[in-house]
PDB file of N, CA and C in Angstrom:
ATOM      1  N   MET A   1      -5.497   7.309   0.678  1.00  0.00           N
ATOM      2  CA  MET A   1      -4.159   7.240   0.154  1.00  0.00           C
ATOM      3  C   MET A   1      -4.192   6.395  -1.115  1.00  0.00           C
ATOM      4  N   ALA A   2      -3.603   6.869  -2.131  1.00  0.00           N
ATOM      5  CA  ALA A   2      -3.520   6.117  -3.377  1.00  0.00           C
ATOM      6  C   ALA A   2      -2.297   5.207  -3.345  1.00  0.00           C
ATOM      7  N   MET A   3      -2.302   4.246  -4.192  1.00  0.00           N
ATOM      8  CA  MET A   3      -1.167   3.347  -4.331  1.00  0.00           C
ATOM      9  C   MET A   3      -0.217   3.919  -5.372  1.00  0.00           C
ATOM     10  N   LYS A   4       1.035   3.441  -5.358  1.00  0.00           N
ATOM     11  CA  LYS A   4       1.977   3.833  -6.398  1.00  0.00           C
ATOM     12  C   LYS A   4       2.871   2.650  -6.724  1.00  0.00           C
ATOM     13  N   VAL A   5       3.372   2.631  -7.957  1.00  0.00           N
ATOM     14  CA  VAL A   5       4.248   1.566  -8.427  1.00  0.00           C
ATOM     15  C   VAL A   5       5.691   2.059  -8.335  1.00  0.00           C
ATOM     16  N   LEU A   6       6.532   1.262  -7.715  1.00  0.00           N
ATOM     17  CA  LEU A   6       7.939   1.606  -7.570  1.00  0.00           C
ATOM     18  C   LEU A   6       8.722   1.242  -8.831  1.00  0.00           C
ATOM     19  N   ALA A   7       9.944   1.713  -8.912  1.00  0.00           N
ATOM     20  CA  ALA A   7      10.799   1.477 -10.080  1.00  0.00           C
ATOM     21  C   ALA A   7      11.151   0.005 -10.265  1.00  0.00           C
ATOM     22  N   ASP A   8      10.907  -0.827  -9.275  1.00  0.00           N
ATOM     23  CA  ASP A   8      11.186  -2.262  -9.371  1.00  0.00           C
ATOM     24  C   ASP A   8      10.218  -2.988 -10.305  1.00  0.00           C
ATOM     25  N   CYS A   9       9.209  -2.306 -10.804  1.00  0.00           N
ATOM     26  CA  CYS A   9       8.195  -2.904 -11.672  1.00  0.00           C
ATOM     27  C   CYS A   9       8.870  -3.627 -12.842  1.00  0.00           C
ATOM     28  N   ILE A  10       8.424  -4.863 -13.116  1.00  0.00           N
ATOM     29  CA  ILE A  10       8.973  -5.642 -14.221  1.00  0.00           C
ATOM     30  C   ILE A  10       8.069  -5.606 -15.447  1.00  0.00           C
ATOM     31  N   ASN A  11       7.056  -4.743 -15.416  1.00  0.00           N
ATOM     32  CA  ASN A  11       6.169  -4.544 -16.567  1.00  0.00           C
ATOM     33  C   ASN A  11       5.428  -5.828 -16.951  1.00  0.00           C
ATOM     34  N   CYS A  12       4.991  -6.572 -15.949  1.00  0.00           N
ATOM     35  CA  CYS A  12       4.322  -7.852 -16.211  1.00  0.00           C
ATOM     36  C   CYS A  12       2.842  -7.698 -16.537  1.00  0.00           C
ATOM     37  N   ALA A  13       2.254  -6.581 -16.184  1.00  0.00           N
ATOM     38  CA  ALA A  13       0.849  -6.270 -16.464  1.00  0.00           C
ATOM     39  C   ALA A  13      -0.149  -7.034 -15.604  1.00  0.00           C
ATOM     40  N   ALA A  14       0.290  -7.704 -14.565  1.00  0.00           N
ATOM     41  CA  ALA A  14      -0.636  -8.450 -13.713  1.00  0.00           C
ATOM     42  C   ALA A  14      -1.612  -7.534 -12.984  1.00  0.00           C
ATOM     43  N   CYS A  15      -1.174  -6.336 -12.659  1.00  0.00           N
ATOM     44  CA  CYS A  15      -1.993  -5.424 -11.860  1.00  0.00           C
ATOM     45  C   CYS A  15      -3.099  -4.733 -12.654  1.00  0.00           C
ATOM     46  N   GLU A  16      -2.833  -4.413 -13.885  1.00  0.00           N
ATOM     47  CA  GLU A  16      -3.766  -3.581 -14.661  1.00  0.00           C
ATOM     48  C   GLU A  16      -5.185  -4.131 -14.719  1.00  0.00           C
ATOM     49  N   PRO A  17      -5.397  -5.399 -15.077  1.00  0.00           N
ATOM     50  CA  PRO A  17      -6.779  -5.884 -15.157  1.00  0.00           C
ATOM     51  C   PRO A  17      -7.470  -6.050 -13.802  1.00  0.00           C
ATOM     52  N   GLU A  18      -6.699  -6.034 -12.725  1.00  0.00           N
ATOM     53  CA  GLU A  18      -7.269  -6.194 -11.384  1.00  0.00           C
ATOM     54  C   GLU A  18      -7.901  -4.925 -10.839  1.00  0.00           C
ATOM     55  N   CYS A  19      -7.544  -3.773 -11.390  1.00  0.00           N
ATOM     56  CA  CYS A  19      -8.017  -2.505 -10.853  1.00  0.00           C
ATOM     57  C   CYS A  19      -9.479  -2.252 -11.225  1.00  0.00           C
ATOM     58  N   PRO A  20     -10.361  -2.094 -10.236  1.00  0.00           N
ATOM     59  CA  PRO A  20     -11.769  -1.859 -10.524  1.00  0.00           C
ATOM     60  C   PRO A  20     -12.051  -0.444 -11.038  1.00  0.00           C
ATOM     61  N   ASN A  21     -11.050   0.436 -10.960  1.00  0.00           N
ATOM     62  CA  ASN A  21     -11.247   1.837 -11.331  1.00  0.00           C
ATOM     63  C   ASN A  21     -10.473   2.248 -12.578  1.00  0.00           C
ATOM     64  N   GLN A  22      -9.835   1.307 -13.226  1.00  0.00           N
ATOM     65  CA  GLN A  22      -9.019   1.599 -14.410  1.00  0.00           C
ATOM     66  C   GLN A  22      -7.993   2.697 -14.107  1.00  0.00           C
ATOM     67  N   ALA A  23      -7.354   2.568 -12.942  1.00  0.00           N
ATOM     68  CA  ALA A  23      -6.370   3.564 -12.507  1.00  0.00           C
ATOM     69  C   ALA A  23      -4.948   3.198 -12.912  1.00  0.00           C
ATOM     70  N   ILE A  24      -4.740   1.973 -13.395  1.00  0.00           N
ATOM     71  CA  ILE A  24      -3.395   1.495 -13.706  1.00  0.00           C
ATOM     72  C   ILE A  24      -3.194   1.431 -15.209  1.00  0.00           C
ATOM     73  N   SER A  25      -2.051   1.960 -15.658  1.00  0.00           N
ATOM     74  CA  SER A  25      -1.731   1.923 -17.087  1.00  0.00           C
ATOM     75  C   SER A  25      -0.216   1.876 -17.273  1.00  0.00           C
ATOM     76  N   ALA A  26       0.190   1.452 -18.475  1.00  0.00           N
ATOM     77  CA  ALA A  26       1.616   1.385 -18.795  1.00  0.00           C
ATOM     78  C   ALA A  26       2.147   2.792 -19.040  1.00  0.00           C
ATOM     79  N   ALA A  27       3.357   3.050 -18.502  1.00  0.00           N
ATOM     80  CA  ALA A  27       3.982   4.364 -18.681  1.00  0.00           C
ATOM     81  C   ALA A  27       5.493   4.225 -18.558  1.00  0.00           C
ATOM     82  N   ASP A  28       6.204   4.580 -19.594  1.00  0.00           N
ATOM     83  CA  ASP A  28       7.667   4.590 -19.568  1.00  0.00           C
ATOM     84  C   ASP A  28       8.292   3.266 -19.130  1.00  0.00           C
ATOM     85  N   GLY A  29       7.814   2.158 -19.661  1.00  0.00           N
ATOM     86  CA  GLY A  29       8.417   0.869 -19.362  1.00  0.00           C
ATOM     87  C   GLY A  29       7.999   0.229 -18.059  1.00  0.00           C
ATOM     88  N   VAL A  30       7.212   0.919 -17.264  1.00  0.00           N
ATOM     89  CA  VAL A  30       6.658   0.355 -16.029  1.00  0.00           C
ATOM     90  C   VAL A  30       5.193   0.761 -15.960  1.00  0.00           C
ATOM     91  N   TYR A  31       4.506   0.237 -14.999  1.00  0.00           N
ATOM     92  CA  TYR A  31       3.105   0.617 -14.826  1.00  0.00           C
ATOM     93  C   TYR A  31       3.005   1.762 -13.827  1.00  0.00           C
ATOM     94  N   ALA A  32       1.980   2.572 -13.991  1.00  0.00           N
ATOM     95  CA  ALA A  32       1.753   3.719 -13.116  1.00  0.00           C
ATOM     96  C   ALA A  32       0.304   3.708 -12.660  1.00  0.00           C
ATOM     97  N   ILE A  33       0.060   4.304 -11.504  1.00  0.00           N
ATOM     98  CA  ILE A  33      -1.284   4.386 -10.949  1.00  0.00           C
ATOM     99  C   ILE A  33      -1.713   5.842 -10.895  1.00  0.00           C
ATOM    100  N   ASN A  34      -2.862   6.119 -11.494  1.00  0.00           N
ATOM    101  CA  ASN A  34      -3.445   7.463 -11.469  1.00  0.00           C
ATOM    102  C   ASN A  34      -4.084   7.662 -10.094  1.00  0.00           C
ATOM    103  N   GLY A  35      -3.472   8.498  -9.276  1.00  0.00           N
ATOM    104  CA  GLY A  35      -3.955   8.742  -7.921  1.00  0.00           C
ATOM    105  C   GLY A  35      -5.342   9.346  -7.853  1.00  0.00           C
ATOM    106  N   ASP A  36      -5.782   9.979  -8.926  1.00  0.00           N
ATOM    107  CA  ASP A  36      -7.119  10.556  -8.952  1.00  0.00           C
ATOM    108  C   ASP A  36      -8.189   9.505  -9.196  1.00  0.00           C
ATOM    109  N   ARG A  37      -7.791   8.298  -9.583  1.00  0.00           N
ATOM    110  CA  ARG A  37      -8.731   7.203  -9.804  1.00  0.00           C
ATOM    111  C   ARG A  37      -8.568   6.073  -8.787  1.00  0.00           C
ATOM    112  N   CYS A  38      -7.430   6.045  -8.105  1.00  0.00           N
ATOM    113  CA  CYS A  38      -7.156   4.963  -7.158  1.00  0.00           C
ATOM    114  C   CYS A  38      -7.950   5.154  -5.872  1.00  0.00           C
ATOM    115  N   THR A  39      -8.603   4.085  -5.430  1.00  0.00           N
ATOM    116  CA  THR A  39      -9.334   4.102  -4.167  1.00  0.00           C
ATOM    117  C   THR A  39      -8.812   3.036  -3.213  1.00  0.00           C
ATOM    118  N   GLU A  40      -7.641   2.468  -3.516  1.00  0.00           N
ATOM    119  CA  GLU A  40      -7.111   1.332  -2.749  1.00  0.00           C
ATOM    120  C   GLU A  40      -8.132   0.206  -2.743  1.00  0.00           C
ATOM    121  N   CYS A  41      -8.956   0.157  -3.752  1.00  0.00           N
ATOM    122  CA  CYS A  41     -10.013  -0.832  -3.942  1.00  0.00           C
ATOM    123  C   CYS A  41     -11.168  -0.695  -2.950  1.00  0.00           C
ATOM    124  N   ALA A  42     -11.207   0.410  -2.183  1.00  0.00           N
ATOM    125  CA  ALA A  42     -12.353   0.667  -1.306  1.00  0.00           C
ATOM    126  C   ALA A  42     -13.604   0.690  -2.173  1.00  0.00           C
ATOM    127  N   GLY A  43     -14.640   0.033  -1.718  1.00  0.00           N
ATOM    128  CA  GLY A  43     -15.883  -0.032  -2.464  1.00  0.00           C
ATOM    129  C   GLY A  43     -15.981  -1.272  -3.338  1.00  0.00           C
ATOM    130  N   ALA A  44     -14.847  -1.910  -3.602  1.00  0.00           N
ATOM    131  CA  ALA A  44     -14.850  -3.089  -4.463  1.00  0.00           C
ATOM    132  C   ALA A  44     -14.282  -4.322  -3.753  1.00  0.00           C
ATOM    133  N   TYR A  45     -13.195  -4.148  -3.022  1.00  0.00           N
ATOM    134  CA  TYR A  45     -12.515  -5.257  -2.361  1.00  0.00           C
ATOM    135  C   TYR A  45     -12.055  -4.840  -0.966  1.00  0.00           C
ATOM    136  N   GLU A  46     -11.670  -5.813  -0.170  1.00  0.00           N
ATOM    137  CA  GLU A  46     -11.193  -5.562   1.189  1.00  0.00           C
ATOM    138  C   GLU A  46      -9.808  -4.926   1.221  1.00  0.00           C
ATOM    139  N   SER A  47      -8.989  -5.218   0.204  1.00  0.00           N
ATOM    140  CA  SER A  47      -7.623  -4.686   0.149  1.00  0.00           C
ATOM    141  C   SER A  47      -7.244  -4.448  -1.315  1.00  0.00           C
ATOM    142  N   PRO A  48      -6.199  -3.679  -1.554  1.00  0.00           N
ATOM    143  CA  PRO A  48      -5.804  -3.380  -2.932  1.00  0.00           C
ATOM    144  C   PRO A  48      -5.424  -4.639  -3.712  1.00  0.00           C
ATOM    145  N   ARG A  49      -6.159  -4.917  -4.767  1.00  0.00           N
ATOM    146  CA  ARG A  49      -5.927  -6.112  -5.586  1.00  0.00           C
ATOM    147  C   ARG A  49      -4.577  -6.064  -6.282  1.00  0.00           C
ATOM    148  N   CYS A  50      -4.136  -4.886  -6.678  1.00  0.00           N
ATOM    149  CA  CYS A  50      -2.861  -4.768  -7.377  1.00  0.00           C
ATOM    150  C   CYS A  50      -1.712  -5.287  -6.515  1.00  0.00           C
ATOM    151  N   VAL A  51      -1.774  -5.008  -5.226  1.00  0.00           N
ATOM    152  CA  VAL A  51      -0.734  -5.460  -4.307  1.00  0.00           C
ATOM    153  C   VAL A  51      -0.744  -6.985  -4.217  1.00  0.00           C
ATOM    154  N   LEU A  52      -1.926  -7.567  -4.178  1.00  0.00           N
ATOM    155  CA  LEU A  52      -2.044  -9.020  -4.057  1.00  0.00           C
ATOM    156  C   LEU A  52      -1.478  -9.769  -5.258  1.00  0.00           C
ATOM    157  N   VAL A  53      -1.598  -9.208  -6.445  1.00  0.00           N
ATOM    158  CA  VAL A  53      -1.160  -9.928  -7.651  1.00  0.00           C
ATOM    159  C   VAL A  53       0.238  -9.564  -8.117  1.00  0.00           C
ATOM    160  N   CYS A  54       0.842  -8.545  -7.565  1.00  0.00           N
ATOM    161  CA  CYS A  54       2.172  -8.110  -8.008  1.00  0.00           C
ATOM    162  C   CYS A  54       3.227  -9.147  -7.630  1.00  0.00           C
ATOM    163  N   PRO A  55       3.926  -9.718  -8.616  1.00  0.00           N
ATOM    164  CA  PRO A  55       4.910 -10.758  -8.307  1.00  0.00           C
ATOM    165  C   PRO A  55       6.212 -10.237  -7.699  1.00  0.00           C
ATOM    166  N   VAL A  56       6.471  -8.941  -7.770  1.00  0.00           N
ATOM    167  CA  VAL A  56       7.718  -8.401  -7.227  1.00  0.00           C
ATOM    168  C   VAL A  56       7.485  -7.426  -6.068  1.00  0.00           C
ATOM    169  N   ASP A  57       6.270  -7.354  -5.577  1.00  0.00           N
ATOM    170  CA  ASP A  57       5.937  -6.498  -4.432  1.00  0.00           C
ATOM    171  C   ASP A  57       6.417  -5.059  -4.608  1.00  0.00           C
ATOM    172  N   CYS A  58       6.095  -4.474  -5.750  1.00  0.00           N
ATOM    173  CA  CYS A  58       6.558  -3.102  -6.018  1.00  0.00           C
ATOM    174  C   CYS A  58       5.427  -2.073  -5.975  1.00  0.00           C
ATOM    175  N   ILE A  59       4.277  -2.444  -5.407  1.00  0.00           N
ATOM    176  CA  ILE A  59       3.168  -1.501  -5.285  1.00  0.00           C
ATOM    177  C   ILE A  59       2.964  -1.210  -3.805  1.00  0.00           C
ATOM    178  N   VAL A  60       3.038   0.083  -3.466  1.00  0.00           N
ATOM    179  CA  VAL A  60       2.952   0.514  -2.073  1.00  0.00           C
ATOM    180  C   VAL A  60       1.986   1.691  -1.950  1.00  0.00           C
ATOM    181  N   ARG A  61       1.617   1.999  -0.732  1.00  0.00           N
ATOM    182  CA  ARG A  61       0.803   3.195  -0.498  1.00  0.00           C
ATOM    183  C   ARG A  61       1.664   4.425  -0.728  1.00  0.00           C
ATOM    184  N   ASP A  62       1.089   5.415  -1.385  1.00  0.00           N
ATOM    185  CA  ASP A  62       1.801   6.644  -1.705  1.00  0.00           C
ATOM    186  C   ASP A  62       1.694   7.610  -0.526  1.00  0.00           C
ATOM    187  N   PRO A  63       2.799   7.885   0.178  1.00  0.00           N
ATOM    188  CA  PRO A  63       2.739   8.779   1.337  1.00  0.00           C
ATOM    189  C   PRO A  63       2.403  10.225   0.959  1.00  0.00           C
ATOM    190  N   GLU A  64       2.470  10.545  -0.319  1.00  0.00           N
ATOM    191  CA  GLU A  64       2.115  11.889  -0.788  1.00  0.00           C
ATOM    192  C   GLU A  64       0.607  12.057  -0.951  1.00  0.00           C
ATOM    193  N   ARG A  65      -0.154  10.958  -0.855  1.00  0.00           N
ATOM    194  CA  ARG A  65      -1.603  10.992  -1.082  1.00  0.00           C
ATOM    195  C   ARG A  65      -2.341  10.339   0.078  1.00  0.00           C
ATOM    196  N   VAL A  66      -2.262  10.916   1.238  1.00  0.00           N
ATOM    197  CA  VAL A  66      -2.956  10.389   2.406  1.00  0.00           C
ATOM    198  C   VAL A  66      -4.419  10.815   2.334  1.00  0.00           C
ATOM    199  N   GLU A  67      -5.313   9.819   2.320  1.00  0.00           N
ATOM    200  CA  GLU A  67      -6.757  10.090   2.221  1.00  0.00           C
ATOM    201  C   GLU A  67      -7.509   9.149   3.151  1.00  0.00           C
ATOM    202  N   SER A  68      -8.597   9.628   3.697  1.00  0.00           N
ATOM    203  CA  SER A  68      -9.385   8.828   4.634  1.00  0.00           C
ATOM    204  C   SER A  68     -10.187   7.763   3.873  1.00  0.00           C
ATOM    205  N   PRO A  69     -10.620   6.732   4.598  1.00  0.00           N
ATOM    206  CA  PRO A  69     -11.480   5.724   3.971  1.00  0.00           C
ATOM    207  C   PRO A  69     -12.753   6.333   3.381  1.00  0.00           C
ATOM    208  N   GLU A  70     -13.270   7.365   4.018  1.00  0.00           N
ATOM    209  CA  GLU A  70     -14.485   8.020   3.517  1.00  0.00           C
ATOM    210  C   GLU A  70     -14.230   8.699   2.163  1.00  0.00           C
ATOM    211  N   VAL A  71     -13.081   9.331   2.034  1.00  0.00           N
ATOM    212  CA  VAL A  71     -12.726   9.982   0.763  1.00  0.00           C
ATOM    213  C   VAL A  71     -12.556   8.930  -0.326  1.00  0.00           C
ATOM    214  N   LEU A  72     -11.889   7.825  -0.001  1.00  0.00           N
ATOM    215  CA  LEU A  72     -11.690   6.756  -0.984  1.00  0.00           C
ATOM    216  C   LEU A  72     -13.025   6.159  -1.417  1.00  0.00           C
ATOM    217  N   GLN A  73     -13.919   5.935  -0.460  1.00  0.00           N
ATOM    218  CA  GLN A  73     -15.237   5.381  -0.768  1.00  0.00           C
ATOM    219  C   GLN A  73     -16.037   6.341  -1.637  1.00  0.00           C
ATOM    220  N   ALA A  74     -15.973   7.622  -1.337  1.00  0.00           N
ATOM    221  CA  ALA A  74     -16.694   8.623  -2.138  1.00  0.00           C
ATOM    222  C   ALA A  74     -16.139   8.685  -3.557  1.00  0.00           C
ATOM    223  N   ARG A  75     -14.826   8.565  -3.699  1.00  0.00           N
ATOM    224  CA  ARG A  75     -14.220   8.561  -5.033  1.00  0.00           C
ATOM    225  C   ARG A  75     -14.697   7.340  -5.816  1.00  0.00           C
ATOM    226  N   TYR A  76     -14.709   6.184  -5.163  1.00  0.00           N
ATOM    227  CA  TYR A  76     -15.204   4.964  -5.822  1.00  0.00           C
ATOM    228  C   TYR A  76     -16.641   5.178  -6.314  1.00  0.00           C
ATOM    229  N   ALA A  77     -17.475   5.728  -5.451  1.00  0.00           N
ATOM    230  CA  ALA A  77     -18.882   5.950  -5.821  1.00  0.00           C
ATOM    231  C   ALA A  77     -18.993   6.904  -7.001  1.00  0.00           C
ATOM    232  N   SER A  78     -18.154   7.950  -7.039  1.00  0.00           N
ATOM    233  CA  SER A  78     -18.237   8.905  -8.152  1.00  0.00           C
ATOM    234  C   SER A  78     -17.725   8.300  -9.462  1.00  0.00           C
ATOM    235  N   LEU A  79     -16.819   7.352  -9.370  1.00  0.00           N
ATOM    236  CA  LEU A  79     -16.293   6.697 -10.582  1.00  0.00           C
ATOM    237  C   LEU A  79     -17.247   5.650 -11.144  1.00  0.00           C
ATOM    238  N   HIS A  80     -18.171   5.183 -10.317  1.00  0.00           N
ATOM    239  CA  HIS A  80     -19.070   4.098 -10.712  1.00  0.00           C
ATOM    240  C   HIS A  80     -20.538   4.515 -10.635  1.00  0.00           C
ATOM    241  N   VAL A  81     -20.820   5.690 -11.102  1.00  0.00           N
ATOM    242  CA  VAL A  81     -22.200   6.195 -11.091  1.00  0.00           C
ATOM    243  C   VAL A  81     -23.009   5.467 -12.154  1.00  0.00           C
TER     244      VAL A  81
END
Protein backbone atom coordinates (compact mmCIF):
# COMPACT_ATOMS: atom_id res chain seq x y z
CA MET A 1 0.00 0.00 0.00
CA ALA A 2 1.37 3.39 -0.89
CA MET A 3 1.04 6.44 1.28
CA LYS A 4 -0.89 9.56 0.29
CA VAL A 5 -0.94 13.17 1.44
CA LEU A 6 -4.29 14.60 2.50
CA ALA A 7 -5.55 18.11 1.73
CA ASP A 8 -4.54 19.19 5.26
CA CYS A 9 -0.92 19.45 4.02
CA ILE A 10 0.64 22.79 5.02
CA ASN A 11 3.37 22.54 2.37
CA CYS A 12 6.15 22.47 4.97
CA ALA A 13 8.38 20.12 2.94
CA ALA A 14 9.43 18.06 5.97
CA CYS A 15 8.49 14.81 4.26
CA GLU A 16 10.25 15.20 0.92
CA PRO A 17 13.88 14.73 2.03
CA GLU A 18 12.90 11.78 4.25
CA CYS A 19 11.71 9.59 1.38
CA PRO A 20 14.34 7.00 0.39
CA ASN A 21 12.64 6.52 -3.00
CA GLN A 22 12.17 10.13 -4.10
CA ALA A 23 8.42 9.48 -4.23
CA ILE A 24 7.38 12.81 -2.67
CA SER A 25 7.19 16.09 -4.57
CA ALA A 26 5.40 19.43 -4.49
CA ALA A 27 2.15 19.56 -6.48
CA ASP A 28 -0.58 22.20 -6.52
CA GLY A 29 0.34 23.86 -3.22
CA VAL A 30 0.65 20.60 -1.28
CA TYR A 31 2.94 17.61 -1.45
CA ALA A 32 2.02 14.44 -3.30
CA ILE A 33 3.32 10.88 -3.19
CA ASN A 34 3.96 8.91 -6.37
CA GLY A 35 2.40 5.53 -5.58
CA ASP A 36 4.60 3.84 -8.18
CA ARG A 37 7.69 4.81 -6.16
CA CYS A 38 6.32 4.57 -2.61
CA THR A 39 7.26 1.45 -0.65
CA GLU A 40 6.09 2.68 2.78
CA CYS A 41 9.85 2.74 3.42
CA ALA A 42 10.05 -1.08 3.22
CA GLY A 43 13.67 -1.94 2.56
CA ALA A 44 14.95 1.25 4.17
CA TYR A 45 13.15 1.81 7.49
CA GLU A 46 10.80 0.05 9.89
CA SER A 47 7.94 2.49 9.21
CA PRO A 48 7.14 5.31 6.78
CA ARG A 49 9.47 8.22 7.56
CA CYS A 50 7.12 10.76 6.01
CA VAL A 51 4.48 9.94 8.60
CA LEU A 52 6.97 10.35 11.44
CA VAL A 53 8.08 13.84 10.39
CA CYS A 54 4.74 15.30 9.27
CA PRO A 55 3.78 18.04 11.75
CA VAL A 56 0.06 17.94 10.88
CA ASP A 57 -0.43 14.17 10.53
CA CYS A 58 -1.77 14.42 6.98
CA ILE A 59 0.00 11.39 5.48
CA VAL A 60 -1.97 8.14 5.53
CA ARG A 61 -2.02 4.77 3.82
CA ASP A 62 -3.83 4.94 0.50
CA PRO A 63 -6.72 2.43 0.55
CA GLU A 64 -6.71 2.49 -3.27
CA ARG A 65 -3.19 0.95 -3.32
CA VAL A 66 -3.23 -2.16 -1.16
CA GLU A 67 0.05 -4.05 -1.66
CA SER A 68 1.76 -6.84 0.24
CA PRO A 69 5.06 -6.37 2.07
CA GLU A 70 6.69 -8.57 -0.57
CA VAL A 71 5.51 -6.28 -3.38
CA LEU A 72 6.76 -3.21 -1.50
CA GLN A 73 10.14 -4.85 -0.86
CA ALA A 74 10.47 -5.86 -4.52
CA ARG A 75 9.65 -2.31 -5.62
CA TYR A 76 12.31 -0.94 -3.26
CA ALA A 77 14.86 -3.37 -4.69
CA SER A 78 13.99 -2.38 -8.28
CA LEU A 79 14.34 1.33 -7.45
CA HIS A 80 17.76 0.83 -5.86
CA VAL A 81 19.54 -1.43 -8.32
